[in-house]
Amino acid sequence: FIKKSMFEENGGFIEIEENPLTIAIVTPIMKRAHSYSF
């Protein structure tokens, strides 16, 4: 949770849920990859 805002400021996405702990991560390269047709 503390790291969430830091990574989002660098251009990534992160979503977190608790009980049970589940984290979805999209880094800047992953984010840009979704803009390509492959």
PDB file of all heavy atoms in Angstrom:
ATOM      1  N   PHE A   1       0.829  -1.208   0.000  1.00  0.00           N
ATOM      2  CA  PHE A   1       0.000   0.000   0.000  1.00  0.00           C
ATOM      3  C   PHE A   1       0.866   1.262   0.000  1.00  0.00           C
ATOM      4  O   PHE A   1       0.565   2.242  -0.664  1.00  0.00           O
ATOM      5  CB  PHE A   1      -0.930   0.000   1.211  1.00  0.00           C
ATOM      6  CG  PHE A   1      -2.036  -1.006   1.131  1.00  0.00           C
ATOM      7  CD1 PHE A   1      -1.939  -2.225   1.789  1.00  0.00           C
ATOM      8  CD2 PHE A   1      -3.175  -0.747   0.382  1.00  0.00           C
ATOM      9  CE1 PHE A   1      -2.953  -3.154   1.704  1.00  0.00           C
ATOM     10  CE2 PHE A   1      -4.198  -1.677   0.293  1.00  0.00           C
ATOM     11  CZ  PHE A   1      -4.091  -2.889   0.955  1.00  0.00           C
ATOM     12  N   ILE A   2       1.952   1.247   0.794  1.00  0.00           N
ATOM     13  CA  ILE A   2       2.839   2.412   0.864  1.00  0.00           C
ATOM     14  C   ILE A   2       3.539   2.623  -0.481  1.00  0.00           C
ATOM     15  O   ILE A   2       3.759   3.750  -0.925  1.00  0.00           O
ATOM     16  CB  ILE A   2       3.872   2.231   1.992  1.00  0.00           C
ATOM     17  CG1 ILE A   2       3.148   2.146   3.348  1.00  0.00           C
ATOM     18  CG2 ILE A   2       4.894   3.356   1.996  1.00  0.00           C
ATOM     19  CD1 ILE A   2       4.054   1.832   4.518  1.00  0.00           C
ATOM     20  N   LYS A   3       3.889   1.515  -1.149  1.00  0.00           N
ATOM     21  CA  LYS A   3       4.582   1.609  -2.423  1.00  0.00           C
ATOM     22  C   LYS A   3       3.647   1.990  -3.575  1.00  0.00           C
ATOM     23  O   LYS A   3       4.096   2.427  -4.636  1.00  0.00           O
ATOM     24  CB  LYS A   3       5.247   0.265  -2.753  1.00  0.00           C
ATOM     25  CG  LYS A   3       6.376  -0.111  -1.801  1.00  0.00           C
ATOM     26  CD  LYS A   3       6.917  -1.481  -2.135  1.00  0.00           C
ATOM     27  CE  LYS A   3       8.092  -1.830  -1.237  1.00  0.00           C
ATOM     28  NZ  LYS A   3       9.279  -1.018  -1.529  1.00  0.00           N
ATOM     29  N   LYS A   4       2.343   1.821  -3.380  1.00  0.00           N
ATOM     30  CA  LYS A   4       1.375   2.015  -4.462  1.00  0.00           C
ATOM     31  C   LYS A   4       1.503   3.386  -5.126  1.00  0.00           C
ATOM     32  O   LYS A   4       1.647   3.499  -6.348  1.00  0.00           O
ATOM     33  CB  LYS A   4      -0.041   1.815  -3.925  1.00  0.00           C
ATOM     34  CG  LYS A   4      -1.140   1.863  -4.983  1.00  0.00           C
ATOM     35  CD  LYS A   4      -2.485   1.550  -4.340  1.00  0.00           C
ATOM     36  CE  LYS A   4      -3.594   1.411  -5.370  1.00  0.00           C
ATOM     37  NZ  LYS A   4      -3.878   2.673  -6.066  1.00  0.00           N
ATOM     38  N   SER A   5       1.472   4.453  -4.328  1.00  0.00           N
ATOM     39  CA  SER A   5       1.521   5.801  -4.891  1.00  0.00           C
ATOM     40  C   SER A   5       2.860   6.063  -5.574  1.00  0.00           C
ATOM     41  O   SER A   5       2.918   6.743  -6.611  1.00  0.00           O
ATOM     42  CB  SER A   5       1.282   6.836  -3.788  1.00  0.00           C
ATOM     43  OG  SER A   5       2.260   6.706  -2.762  1.00  0.00           O
ATOM     44  N   MET A   6       3.941   5.496  -5.025  1.00  0.00           N
ATOM     45  CA  MET A   6       5.273   5.698  -5.604  1.00  0.00           C
ATOM     46  C   MET A   6       5.359   5.092  -6.998  1.00  0.00           C
ATOM     47  O   MET A   6       5.867   5.725  -7.938  1.00  0.00           O
ATOM     48  CB  MET A   6       6.334   5.086  -4.694  1.00  0.00           C
ATOM     49  CG  MET A   6       7.759   5.240  -5.201  1.00  0.00           C
ATOM     50  SD  MET A   6       8.973   4.533  -4.077  1.00  0.00           S
ATOM     51  CE  MET A   6       8.554   2.786  -4.168  1.00  0.00           C
ATOM     52  N   PHE A   7       4.852   3.876  -7.159  1.00  0.00           N
ATOM     53  CA  PHE A   7       4.904   3.219  -8.458  1.00  0.00           C
ATOM     54  C   PHE A   7       3.964   3.887  -9.453  1.00  0.00           C
ATOM     55  O   PHE A   7       4.272   3.978 -10.646  1.00  0.00           O
ATOM     56  CB  PHE A   7       4.570   1.733  -8.316  1.00  0.00           C
ATOM     57  CG  PHE A   7       5.645   0.942  -7.618  1.00  0.00           C
ATOM     58  CD1 PHE A   7       5.329   0.093  -6.570  1.00  0.00           C
ATOM     59  CD2 PHE A   7       6.967   1.044  -8.012  1.00  0.00           C
ATOM     60  CE1 PHE A   7       6.320  -0.638  -5.924  1.00  0.00           C
ATOM     61  CE2 PHE A   7       7.964   0.320  -7.380  1.00  0.00           C
ATOM     62  CZ  PHE A   7       7.642  -0.524  -6.324  1.00  0.00           C
ATOM     63  N   GLU A   8       2.803   4.351  -8.996  1.00  0.00           N
ATOM     64  CA  GLU A   8       1.865   5.022  -9.887  1.00  0.00           C
ATOM     65  C   GLU A   8       2.426   6.349 -10.385  1.00  0.00           C
ATOM     66  O   GLU A   8       2.162   6.763 -11.514  1.00  0.00           O
ATOM     67  CB  GLU A   8       0.523   5.226  -9.184  1.00  0.00           C
ATOM     68  CG  GLU A   8      -0.250   3.921  -9.012  1.00  0.00           C
ATOM     69  CD  GLU A   8      -1.565   4.098  -8.290  1.00  0.00           C
ATOM     70  OE1 GLU A   8      -1.752   5.159  -7.641  1.00  0.00           O
ATOM     71  OE2 GLU A   8      -2.415   3.192  -8.375  1.00  0.00           O
ATOM     72  N   GLU A   9       3.218   7.037  -9.557  1.00  0.00           N
ATOM     73  CA  GLU A   9       3.863   8.284  -9.979  1.00  0.00           C
ATOM     74  C   GLU A   9       4.878   8.042 -11.099  1.00  0.00           C
ATOM     75  O   GLU A   9       5.129   8.919 -11.924  1.00  0.00           O
ATOM     76  CB  GLU A   9       4.573   8.942  -8.788  1.00  0.00           C
ATOM     77  CG  GLU A   9       3.631   9.583  -7.782  1.00  0.00           C
ATOM     78  CD  GLU A   9       4.370  10.097  -6.556  1.00  0.00           C
ATOM     79  OE1 GLU A   9       5.625  10.004  -6.538  1.00  0.00           O
ATOM     80  OE2 GLU A   9       3.705  10.572  -5.628  1.00  0.00           O
ATOM     81  N   ASN A  10       5.428   6.822 -11.142  1.00  0.00           N
ATOM     82  CA  ASN A  10       6.403   6.468 -12.173  1.00  0.00           C
ATOM     83  C   ASN A  10       5.761   5.919 -13.440  1.00  0.00           C
ATOM     84  O   ASN A  10       6.463   5.438 -14.339  1.00  0.00           O
ATOM     85  CB  ASN A  10       7.401   5.446 -11.624  1.00  0.00           C
ATOM     86  CG  ASN A  10       8.306   6.050 -10.563  1.00  0.00           C
ATOM     87  OD1 ASN A  10       8.646   7.229 -10.632  1.00  0.00           O
ATOM     88  ND2 ASN A  10       8.693   5.252  -9.582  1.00  0.00           N
ATOM     89  N   GLY A  11       4.435   5.950 -13.506  1.00  0.00           N
ATOM     90  CA  GLY A  11       3.742   5.560 -14.732  1.00  0.00           C
ATOM     91  C   GLY A  11       3.130   4.178 -14.732  1.00  0.00           C
ATOM     92  O   GLY A  11       2.585   3.745 -15.755  1.00  0.00           O
ATOM     93  N   GLY A  12       3.202   3.447 -13.635  1.00  0.00           N
ATOM     94  CA  GLY A  12       2.615   2.118 -13.572  1.00  0.00           C
ATOM     95  C   GLY A  12       1.234   2.134 -12.950  1.00  0.00           C
ATOM     96  O   GLY A  12       0.754   3.161 -12.463  1.00  0.00           O
ATOM     97  N   PHE A  13       0.577   0.990 -12.964  1.00  0.00           N
ATOM     98  CA  PHE A  13      -0.717   0.799 -12.304  1.00  0.00           C
ATOM     99  C   PHE A  13      -0.558  -0.304 -11.264  1.00  0.00           C
ATOM    100  O   PHE A  13       0.144  -1.296 -11.507  1.00  0.00           O
ATOM    101  CB  PHE A  13      -1.809   0.376 -13.292  1.00  0.00           C
ATOM    102  CG  PHE A  13      -2.132   1.388 -14.344  1.00  0.00           C
ATOM    103  CD1 PHE A  13      -2.540   0.981 -15.610  1.00  0.00           C
ATOM    104  CD2 PHE A  13      -2.041   2.740 -14.083  1.00  0.00           C
ATOM    105  CE1 PHE A  13      -2.845   1.900 -16.587  1.00  0.00           C
ATOM    106  CE2 PHE A  13      -2.345   3.680 -15.049  1.00  0.00           C
ATOM    107  CZ  PHE A  13      -2.744   3.263 -16.301  1.00  0.00           C
ATOM    108  N   ILE A  14      -1.211  -0.151 -10.143  1.00  0.00           N
ATOM    109  CA  ILE A  14      -1.218  -1.231  -9.151  1.00  0.00           C
ATOM    110  C   ILE A  14      -2.525  -1.174  -8.374  1.00  0.00           C
ATOM    111  O   ILE A  14      -2.980  -0.105  -7.963  1.00  0.00           O
ATOM    112  CB  ILE A  14       0.004  -1.137  -8.200  1.00  0.00           C
ATOM    113  CG1 ILE A  14       0.004  -2.294  -7.196  1.00  0.00           C
ATOM    114  CG2 ILE A  14       0.075   0.203  -7.509  1.00  0.00           C
ATOM    115  CD1 ILE A  14       1.302  -2.423  -6.415  1.00  0.00           C
ATOM    116  N   GLU A  15      -3.163  -2.320  -8.230  1.00  0.00           N
ATOM    117  CA  GLU A  15      -4.405  -2.442  -7.449  1.00  0.00           C
ATOM    118  C   GLU A  15      -4.191  -3.514  -6.394  1.00  0.00           C
ATOM    119  O   GLU A  15      -3.587  -4.558  -6.663  1.00  0.00           O
ATOM    120  CB  GLU A  15      -5.585  -2.820  -8.342  1.00  0.00           C
ATOM    121  CG  GLU A  15      -6.027  -1.734  -9.313  1.00  0.00           C
ATOM    122  CD  GLU A  15      -6.742  -0.577  -8.623  1.00  0.00           C
ATOM    123  OE1 GLU A  15      -7.209  -0.780  -7.481  1.00  0.00           O
ATOM    124  OE2 GLU A  15      -6.833   0.507  -9.227  1.00  0.00           O
ATOM    125  N   ILE A  16      -4.687  -3.255  -5.187  1.00  0.00           N
ATOM    126  CA  ILE A  16      -4.459  -4.168  -4.057  1.00  0.00           C
ATOM    127  C   ILE A  16      -5.771  -4.436  -3.334  1.00  0.00           C
ATOM    128  O   ILE A  16      -6.556  -3.516  -3.091  1.00  0.00           O
ATOM    129  CB  ILE A  16      -3.434  -3.575  -3.062  1.00  0.00           C
ATOM    130  CG1 ILE A  16      -2.133  -3.217  -3.774  1.00  0.00           C
ATOM    131  CG2 ILE A  16      -3.157  -4.553  -1.924  1.00  0.00           C
ATOM    132  CD1 ILE A  16      -1.161  -2.433  -2.934  1.00  0.00           C
ATOM    133  N   GLU A  17      -6.003  -5.682  -3.003  1.00  0.00           N
ATOM    134  CA  GLU A  17      -7.132  -6.087  -2.156  1.00  0.00           C
ATOM    135  C   GLU A  17      -6.596  -6.945  -1.024  1.00  0.00           C
ATOM    136  O   GLU A  17      -5.618  -7.682  -1.194  1.00  0.00           O
ATOM    137  CB  GLU A  17      -8.177  -6.859  -2.960  1.00  0.00           C
ATOM    138  CG  GLU A  17      -9.011  -6.001  -3.893  1.00  0.00           C
ATOM    139  CD  GLU A  17     -10.123  -6.804  -4.563  1.00  0.00           C
ATOM    140  OE1 GLU A  17     -10.227  -8.031  -4.285  1.00  0.00           O
ATOM    141  OE2 GLU A  17     -10.881  -6.217  -5.349  1.00  0.00           O
ATOM    142  N   GLU A  18      -7.236  -6.883   0.122  1.00  0.00           N
ATOM    143  CA  GLU A  18      -6.840  -7.695   1.269  1.00  0.00           C
ATOM    144  C   GLU A  18      -7.861  -8.786   1.540  1.00  0.00           C
ATOM    145  O   GLU A  18      -8.996  -8.729   1.088  1.00  0.00           O
ATOM    146  CB  GLU A  18      -6.688  -6.805   2.509  1.00  0.00           C
ATOM    147  CG  GLU A  18      -5.496  -5.861   2.446  1.00  0.00           C
ATOM    148  CD  GLU A  18      -5.270  -5.124   3.745  1.00  0.00           C
ATOM    149  OE1 GLU A  18      -6.128  -4.272   4.063  1.00  0.00           O
ATOM    150  OE2 GLU A  18      -4.264  -5.401   4.424  1.00  0.00           O
ATOM    151  N   ASN A  19      -7.435  -9.768   2.337  1.00  0.00           N
ATOM    152  CA  ASN A  19      -8.311 -10.848   2.824  1.00  0.00           C
ATOM    153  C   ASN A  19      -9.091 -11.569   1.716  1.00  0.00           C
ATOM    154  O   ASN A  19     -10.297 -11.407   1.593  1.00  0.00           O
ATOM    155  CB  ASN A  19      -9.290 -10.284   3.861  1.00  0.00           C
ATOM    156  CG  ASN A  19      -8.595  -9.686   5.052  1.00  0.00           C
ATOM    157  OD1 ASN A  19      -7.595 -10.216   5.527  1.00  0.00           O
ATOM    158  ND2 ASN A  19      -9.107  -8.556   5.533  1.00  0.00           N
ATOM    159  N   PRO A  20      -8.416 -12.385   0.944  1.00  0.00           N
ATOM    160  CA  PRO A  20      -6.978 -12.649   0.925  1.00  0.00           C
ATOM    161  C   PRO A  20      -6.234 -11.605   0.086  1.00  0.00           C
ATOM    162  O   PRO A  20      -6.827 -10.959  -0.780  1.00  0.00           O
ATOM    163  CB  PRO A  20      -6.888 -14.023   0.265  1.00  0.00           C
ATOM    164  CG  PRO A  20      -8.059 -14.059  -0.657  1.00  0.00           C
ATOM    165  CD  PRO A  20      -9.146 -13.299   0.035  1.00  0.00           C
ATOM    166  N   LEU A  21      -4.947 -11.470   0.353  1.00  0.00           N
ATOM    167  CA  LEU A  21      -4.147 -10.478  -0.333  1.00  0.00           C
ATOM    168  C   LEU A  21      -4.049 -10.809  -1.822  1.00  0.00           C
ATOM    169  O   LEU A  21      -3.644 -11.900  -2.213  1.00  0.00           O
ATOM    170  CB  LEU A  21      -2.741 -10.413   0.270  1.00  0.00           C
ATOM    171  CG  LEU A  21      -1.788  -9.386  -0.372  1.00  0.00           C
ATOM    172  CD1 LEU A  21      -2.309  -7.973  -0.149  1.00  0.00           C
ATOM    173  CD2 LEU A  21      -0.382  -9.530   0.197  1.00  0.00           C
ATOM    174  N   THR A  22      -4.434  -9.844  -2.654  1.00  0.00           N
ATOM    175  CA  THR A  22      -4.376  -9.978  -4.109  1.00  0.00           C
ATOM    176  C   THR A  22      -3.842  -8.671  -4.679  1.00  0.00           C
ATOM    177  O   THR A  22      -4.320  -7.596  -4.318  1.00  0.00           O
ATOM    178  CB  THR A  22      -5.771 -10.273  -4.695  1.00  0.00           C
ATOM    179  OG1 THR A  22      -6.348 -11.397  -4.024  1.00  0.00           O
ATOM    180  CG2 THR A  22      -5.673 -10.573  -6.186  1.00  0.00           C
ATOM    181  N   ILE A  23      -2.852  -8.762  -5.552  1.00  0.00           N
ATOM    182  CA  ILE A  23      -2.219  -7.573  -6.118  1.00  0.00           C
ATOM    183  C   ILE A  23      -2.168  -7.717  -7.636  1.00  0.00           C
ATOM    184  O   ILE A  23      -1.732  -8.749  -8.154  1.00  0.00           O
ATOM    185  CB  ILE A  23      -0.794  -7.377  -5.567  1.00  0.00           C
ATOM    186  CG1 ILE A  23      -0.795  -7.369  -4.036  1.00  0.00           C
ATOM    187  CG2 ILE A  23      -0.176  -6.084  -6.107  1.00  0.00           C
ATOM    188  CD1 ILE A  23       0.602  -7.405  -3.421  1.00  0.00           C
ATOM    189  N   ALA A  24      -2.630  -6.687  -8.338  1.00  0.00           N
ATOM    190  CA  ALA A  24      -2.508  -6.626  -9.802  1.00  0.00           C
ATOM    191  C   ALA A  24      -1.500  -5.540 -10.152  1.00  0.00           C
ATOM    192  O   ALA A  24      -1.579  -4.424  -9.630  1.00  0.00           O
ATOM    193  CB  ALA A  24      -3.852  -6.328 -10.437  1.00  0.00           C
ATOM    194  N   ILE A  25      -0.543  -5.869 -11.022  1.00  0.00           N
ATOM    195  CA  ILE A  25       0.561  -4.967 -11.336  1.00  0.00           C
ATOM    196  C   ILE A  25       0.652  -4.774 -12.848  1.00  0.00           C
ATOM    197  O   ILE A  25       0.640  -5.739 -13.617  1.00  0.00           O
ATOM    198  CB  ILE A  25       1.899  -5.538 -10.820  1.00  0.00           C
ATOM    199  CG1 ILE A  25       1.849  -5.736  -9.302  1.00  0.00           C
ATOM    200  CG2 ILE A  25       3.069  -4.647 -11.211  1.00  0.00           C
ATOM    201  CD1 ILE A  25       2.974  -6.596  -8.767  1.00  0.00           C
ATOM    202  N   VAL A  26       0.750  -3.515 -13.254  1.00  0.00           N
ATOM    203  CA  VAL A  26       1.004  -3.162 -14.655  1.00  0.00           C
ATOM    204  C   VAL A  26       2.123  -2.128 -14.657  1.00  0.00           C
ATOM    205  O   VAL A  26       1.921  -0.981 -14.251  1.00  0.00           O
ATOM    206  CB  VAL A  26      -0.250  -2.591 -15.350  1.00  0.00           C
ATOM    207  CG1 VAL A  26       0.079  -2.200 -16.790  1.00  0.00           C
ATOM    208  CG2 VAL A  26      -1.390  -3.599 -15.325  1.00  0.00           C
ATOM    209  N   THR A  27       3.316  -2.529 -15.066  1.00  0.00           N
ATOM    210  CA  THR A  27       4.458  -1.622 -15.101  1.00  0.00           C
ATOM    211  C   THR A  27       4.345  -0.722 -16.337  1.00  0.00           C
ATOM    212  O   THR A  27       3.519  -0.974 -17.228  1.00  0.00           O
ATOM    213  CB  THR A  27       5.775  -2.410 -15.156  1.00  0.00           C
ATOM    214  OG1 THR A  27       5.852  -3.089 -16.416  1.00  0.00           O
ATOM    215  CG2 THR A  27       5.858  -3.429 -14.029  1.00  0.00           C
ATOM    216  N   PRO A  28       5.171   0.328 -16.441  1.00  0.00           N
ATOM    217  CA  PRO A  28       5.112   1.193 -17.628  1.00  0.00           C
ATOM    218  C   PRO A  28       5.271   0.455 -18.953  1.00  0.00           C
ATOM    219  O   PRO A  28       4.563   0.755 -19.920  1.00  0.00           O
ATOM    220  CB  PRO A  28       6.269   2.172 -17.385  1.00  0.00           C
ATOM    221  CG  PRO A  28       6.355   2.284 -15.903  1.00  0.00           C
ATOM    222  CD  PRO A  28       6.064   0.897 -15.398  1.00  0.00           C
ATOM    223  N   ILE A  29       6.189  -0.520 -19.031  1.00  0.00           N
ATOM    224  CA  ILE A  29       6.349  -1.275 -20.279  1.00  0.00           C
ATOM    225  C   ILE A  29       5.095  -2.091 -20.573  1.00  0.00           C
ATOM    226  O   ILE A  29       4.640  -2.161 -21.719  1.00  0.00           O
ATOM    227  CB  ILE A  29       7.599  -2.183 -20.204  1.00  0.00           C
ATOM    228  CG1 ILE A  29       8.871  -1.345 -20.364  1.00  0.00           C
ATOM    229  CG2 ILE A  29       7.561  -3.274 -21.279  1.00  0.00           C
ATOM    230  CD1 ILE A  29      10.159  -2.137 -20.289  1.00  0.00           C
ATOM    231  N   MET A  30       4.522  -2.725 -19.551  1.00  0.00           N
ATOM    232  CA  MET A  30       3.284  -3.482 -19.737  1.00  0.00           C
ATOM    233  C   MET A  30       2.159  -2.574 -20.208  1.00  0.00           C
ATOM    234  O   MET A  30       1.369  -2.930 -21.097  1.00  0.00           O
ATOM    235  CB  MET A  30       2.888  -4.171 -18.431  1.00  0.00           C
ATOM    236  CG  MET A  30       3.882  -5.185 -17.915  1.00  0.00           C
ATOM    237  SD  MET A  30       3.397  -5.820 -16.284  1.00  0.00           S
ATOM    238  CE  MET A  30       4.875  -6.686 -15.789  1.00  0.00           C
ATOM    239  N   LYS A  31       2.076  -1.394 -19.619  1.00  0.00           N
ATOM    240  CA  LYS A  31       1.045  -0.413 -19.980  1.00  0.00           C
ATOM    241  C   LYS A  31       1.168  -0.030 -21.450  1.00  0.00           C
ATOM    242  O   LYS A  31       0.178  -0.019 -22.197  1.00  0.00           O
ATOM    243  CB  LYS A  31       1.189   0.813 -19.079  1.00  0.00           C
ATOM    244  CG  LYS A  31       0.212   1.940 -19.358  1.00  0.00           C
ATOM    245  CD  LYS A  31       0.494   3.101 -18.421  1.00  0.00           C
ATOM    246  CE  LYS A  31      -0.356   4.315 -18.735  1.00  0.00           C
ATOM    247  NZ  LYS A  31      -0.047   5.452 -17.828  1.00  0.00           N
ATOM    248  N   ARG A  32       2.392   0.275 -21.904  1.00  0.00           N
ATOM    249  CA  ARG A  32       2.598   0.671 -23.296  1.00  0.00           C
ATOM    250  C   ARG A  32       2.370  -0.495 -24.251  1.00  0.00           C
ATOM    251  O   ARG A  32       1.955  -0.297 -25.390  1.00  0.00           O
ATOM    252  CB  ARG A  32       4.001   1.249 -23.478  1.00  0.00           C
ATOM    253  CG  ARG A  32       4.169   2.654 -22.892  1.00  0.00           C
ATOM    254  CD  ARG A  32       5.509   3.259 -23.286  1.00  0.00           C
ATOM    255  NE  ARG A  32       6.606   2.649 -22.560  1.00  0.00           N
ATOM    256  CZ  ARG A  32       7.044   3.059 -21.372  1.00  0.00           C
ATOM    257  NH1 ARG A  32       6.452   4.076 -20.757  1.00  0.00           N
ATOM    258  NH2 ARG A  32       8.065   2.465 -20.779  1.00  0.00           N
ATOM    259  N   ALA A  33       2.661  -1.722 -23.786  1.00  0.00           N
ATOM    260  CA  ALA A  33       2.467  -2.898 -24.647  1.00  0.00           C
ATOM    261  C   ALA A  33       1.014  -3.068 -25.055  1.00  0.00           C
ATOM    262  O   ALA A  33       0.719  -3.576 -26.138  1.00  0.00           O
ATOM    263  CB  ALA A  33       2.962  -4.159 -23.936  1.00  0.00           C
ATOM    264  N   HIS A  34       0.087  -2.627 -24.196  1.00  0.00           N
ATOM    265  CA  HIS A  34      -1.336  -2.741 -24.518  1.00  0.00           C
ATOM    266  C   HIS A  34      -1.763  -1.787 -25.625  1.00  0.00           C
ATOM    267  O   HIS A  34      -2.869  -1.907 -26.153  1.00  0.00           O
ATOM    268  CB  HIS A  34      -2.183  -2.497 -23.262  1.00  0.00           C
ATOM    269  CG  HIS A  34      -2.233  -3.667 -22.338  1.00  0.00           C
ATOM    270  ND1 HIS A  34      -3.175  -4.673 -22.454  1.00  0.00           N
ATOM    271  CD2 HIS A  34      -1.445  -4.017 -21.290  1.00  0.00           C
ATOM    272  CE1 HIS A  34      -2.980  -5.573 -21.510  1.00  0.00           C
ATOM    273  NE2 HIS A  34      -1.927  -5.203 -20.796  1.00  0.00           N
ATOM    274  N   SER A  35      -0.898  -0.853 -25.995  1.00  0.00           N
ATOM    275  CA  SER A  35      -1.224   0.073 -27.079  1.00  0.00           C
ATOM    276  C   SER A  35      -0.770  -0.457 -28.435  1.00  0.00           C
ATOM    277  O   SER A  35      -0.950   0.216 -29.449  1.00  0.00           O
ATOM    278  CB  SER A  35      -0.578   1.443 -26.821  1.00  0.00           C
ATOM    279  OG  SER A  35       0.841   1.351 -26.847  1.00  0.00           O
ATOM    280  N   TYR A  36      -0.204  -1.683 -28.469  1.00  0.00           N
ATOM    281  CA  TYR A  36       0.241  -2.304 -29.711  1.00  0.00           C
ATOM    282  C   TYR A  36      -0.668  -3.485 -30.051  1.00  0.00           C
ATOM    283  O   TYR A  36      -1.140  -4.200 -29.166  1.00  0.00           O
ATOM    284  CB  TYR A  36       1.694  -2.745 -29.600  1.00  0.00           C
ATOM    285  CG  TYR A  36       2.639  -1.570 -29.466  1.00  0.00           C
ATOM    286  CD1 TYR A  36       3.012  -1.078 -28.218  1.00  0.00           C
ATOM    287  CD2 TYR A  36       3.124  -0.918 -30.596  1.00  0.00           C
ATOM    288  CE1 TYR A  36       3.853   0.012 -28.087  1.00  0.00           C
ATOM    289  CE2 TYR A  36       3.974   0.178 -30.485  1.00  0.00           C
ATOM    290  CZ  TYR A  36       4.335   0.642 -29.227  1.00  0.00           C
ATOM    291  OH  TYR A  36       5.156   1.732 -29.101  1.00  0.00           O
ATOM    292  N   SER A  37      -0.873  -3.692 -31.352  1.00  0.00           N
ATOM    293  CA  SER A  37      -1.903  -4.633 -31.808  1.00  0.00           C
ATOM    294  C   SER A  37      -1.653  -6.076 -31.395  1.00  0.00           C
ATOM    295  O   SER A  37      -2.596  -6.857 -31.282  1.00  0.00           O
ATOM    296  CB  SER A  37      -2.037  -4.548 -33.335  1.00  0.00           C
ATOM    297  OG  SER A  37      -0.804  -4.840 -33.962  1.00  0.00           O
ATOM    298  N   PHE A  38      -0.370  -6.470 -31.162  1.00  0.00           N
ATOM    299  CA  PHE A  38      -0.118  -7.869 -30.796  1.00  0.00           C
ATOM    300  C   PHE A  38      -0.800  -8.251 -29.484  1.00  0.00           C
ATOM    301  O   PHE A  38      -1.061  -9.423 -29.228  1.00  0.00           O
ATOM    302  CB  PHE A  38       1.388  -8.153 -30.718  1.00  0.00           C
ATOM    303  CG  PHE A  38       2.099  -7.504 -29.562  1.00  0.00           C
ATOM    304  CD1 PHE A  38       2.077  -8.070 -28.292  1.00  0.00           C
ATOM    305  CD2 PHE A  38       2.812  -6.323 -29.738  1.00  0.00           C
ATOM    306  CE1 PHE A  38       2.739  -7.471 -27.225  1.00  0.00           C
ATOM    307  CE2 PHE A  38       3.480  -5.725 -28.685  1.00  0.00           C
ATOM    308  CZ  PHE A  38       3.432  -6.296 -27.424  1.00  0.00           C
TER     309      PHE A  38
END
